[in-house]
Protein backbone atom coordinates (compact mmCIF):
# COMPACT_ATOMS: atom_id res chain seq x y z
CA MET A 1 20.50 15.19 -12.40
CA MET A 2 21.48 12.36 -14.73
CA ASP A 3 25.08 13.53 -14.98
CA SER A 4 25.47 13.29 -11.17
CA LEU A 5 24.05 9.75 -10.99
CA PRO A 6 27.43 7.98 -11.50
CA ILE A 7 29.00 10.13 -8.78
CA LEU A 8 26.15 9.38 -6.37
CA LEU A 9 26.40 5.65 -7.10
CA ALA A 10 30.18 5.74 -6.55
CA VAL A 11 29.72 7.49 -3.19
CA PHE A 12 27.09 4.91 -2.20
CA VAL A 13 29.35 1.97 -3.11
CA VAL A 14 32.34 3.45 -1.25
CA ALA A 15 30.20 4.19 1.83
CA LEU A 16 28.83 0.65 1.75
CA GLY A 17 32.33 -0.83 1.56
CA VAL A 18 33.67 1.36 4.37
CA GLY A 19 30.66 0.48 6.54
CA VAL A 20 31.14 -3.25 6.05
CA VAL A 21 34.86 -3.04 6.86
CA LEU A 22 34.24 -0.99 10.01
CA ILE A 23 31.47 -3.24 11.34
CA ARG A 24 33.56 -6.38 10.84
CA ARG A 25 36.41 -4.92 12.90
CA ILE A 26 34.30 -4.07 15.96
CA PRO A 27 34.72 -6.45 18.91
CA THR A 28 31.63 -8.35 20.01
CA LEU A 29 31.68 -6.64 23.40
CA LEU A 30 31.02 -3.26 21.78
CA HIS A 31 28.04 -4.27 19.64
CA THR A 32 25.38 -3.20 22.20
CA PRO A 33 26.73 0.34 22.74
CA LEU A 34 27.23 0.66 19.00
CA MET A 35 23.61 -0.39 18.40
CA SER A 36 22.41 2.28 20.82
CA MET A 37 24.39 4.92 18.93
CA THR A 38 23.10 3.78 15.56
CA ASN A 39 19.55 3.99 16.93
CA ALA A 40 20.16 7.67 17.62
CA ILE A 41 21.53 8.12 14.10
CA SER A 42 18.49 6.31 12.71
CA GLY A 43 16.29 8.76 14.57
CA ILE A 44 18.08 11.60 12.80
CA THR A 45 17.56 9.75 9.51
CA LEU A 46 13.86 9.49 10.31
CA VAL A 47 13.60 13.25 10.80
CA GLY A 48 15.42 13.81 7.50
CA ALA A 49 13.13 11.37 5.72
CA LEU A 50 10.09 13.19 7.08
CA PHE A 51 11.38 16.51 5.73
CA ALA A 52 12.22 14.94 2.37
CA ALA A 53 8.79 13.29 2.10
CA ARG A 54 7.08 16.60 2.94
CA GLN A 55 8.94 18.44 0.16
CA ALA A 56 8.52 15.73 -2.50
CA SER A 57 5.92 15.90 -5.20
CA PRO A 58 3.35 13.05 -5.36
CA ASP A 59 5.28 10.86 -7.77
CA LEU A 60 8.17 8.41 -7.45
CA ALA A 61 10.10 10.75 -5.15
CA GLY A 62 7.11 10.96 -2.82
CA LEU A 63 6.78 7.17 -2.72
CA LEU A 64 10.49 6.80 -2.01
CA GLY A 65 10.17 9.35 0.79
CA LEU A 66 7.28 7.41 2.27
CA ALA A 67 9.28 4.19 2.05
CA ALA A 68 12.24 5.92 3.74
CA VAL A 69 10.02 7.07 6.60
CA ALA A 70 8.52 3.60 7.04
CA LEU A 71 11.87 1.80 6.98
CA ALA A 72 13.57 4.30 9.29
CA THR A 73 10.67 3.95 11.75
CA VAL A 74 10.96 0.16 11.74
CA ASN A 75 14.72 0.47 12.24
CA VAL A 76 14.42 2.84 15.20
CA VAL A 77 11.65 0.91 16.98
CA GLY A 78 13.29 -2.47 16.38
CA GLY A 79 16.70 -1.21 17.44
CA TYR A 80 15.42 0.18 20.72
CA ALA A 81 13.46 -3.01 21.39
CA VAL A 82 16.56 -5.16 20.85
CA THR A 83 18.72 -2.84 22.96
CA ASP A 84 16.16 -2.92 25.80
CA ARG A 85 16.02 -6.70 25.64
CA MET A 86 19.80 -6.95 25.77
CA MET A 87 20.03 -4.54 28.71
CA LYS A 88 17.51 -6.64 30.65
CA MET A 89 20.05 -9.49 30.60
CA PHE A 90 22.36 -7.40 32.81
CA ARG A 91 19.79 -6.75 35.55
CA SER A 92 19.89 -8.80 38.70
CA PRO A 93 16.90 -11.17 39.19
CA GLY A 94 15.31 -9.27 42.12
CA ARG A 95 15.44 -5.86 40.49
CA THR A 96 13.21 -4.13 37.98
CA GLY A 97 13.88 -1.04 35.90
CA ALA A 98 15.19 2.15 37.55
CA GLY A 99 16.88 0.17 40.34
CA LYS A 100 13.75 -0.49 42.45
CA GLU A 101 13.43 -3.69 44.42
CA THR A 102 10.41 -5.91 43.84
CA ARG A 103 8.29 -7.00 46.79
CA ASP A 104 6.87 -10.50 47.04
CA GLY A 105 3.58 -10.90 48.93
């Protein structure tokens, strides 16, 4: 395990750099659809974290698995809340969700 640590760190650093470069090149108009897609990916990460936490022994790996589950859950819930809030800005004033008209009085 210790001999693969430098390789894992190198992969992490390269992935971090590529991610930063890609996000900076995305036009502002595409941020909302991109956020929706990353919410789906975060959901997949959450499922993976649940499996990893289930298989881990009750030591540092188990605590890291629990932290991964908690952080992925916060990311998914927060991402969907922000996306929903942004999509509400595109609705017309007299309409609610699912295209139904509101009735006054």
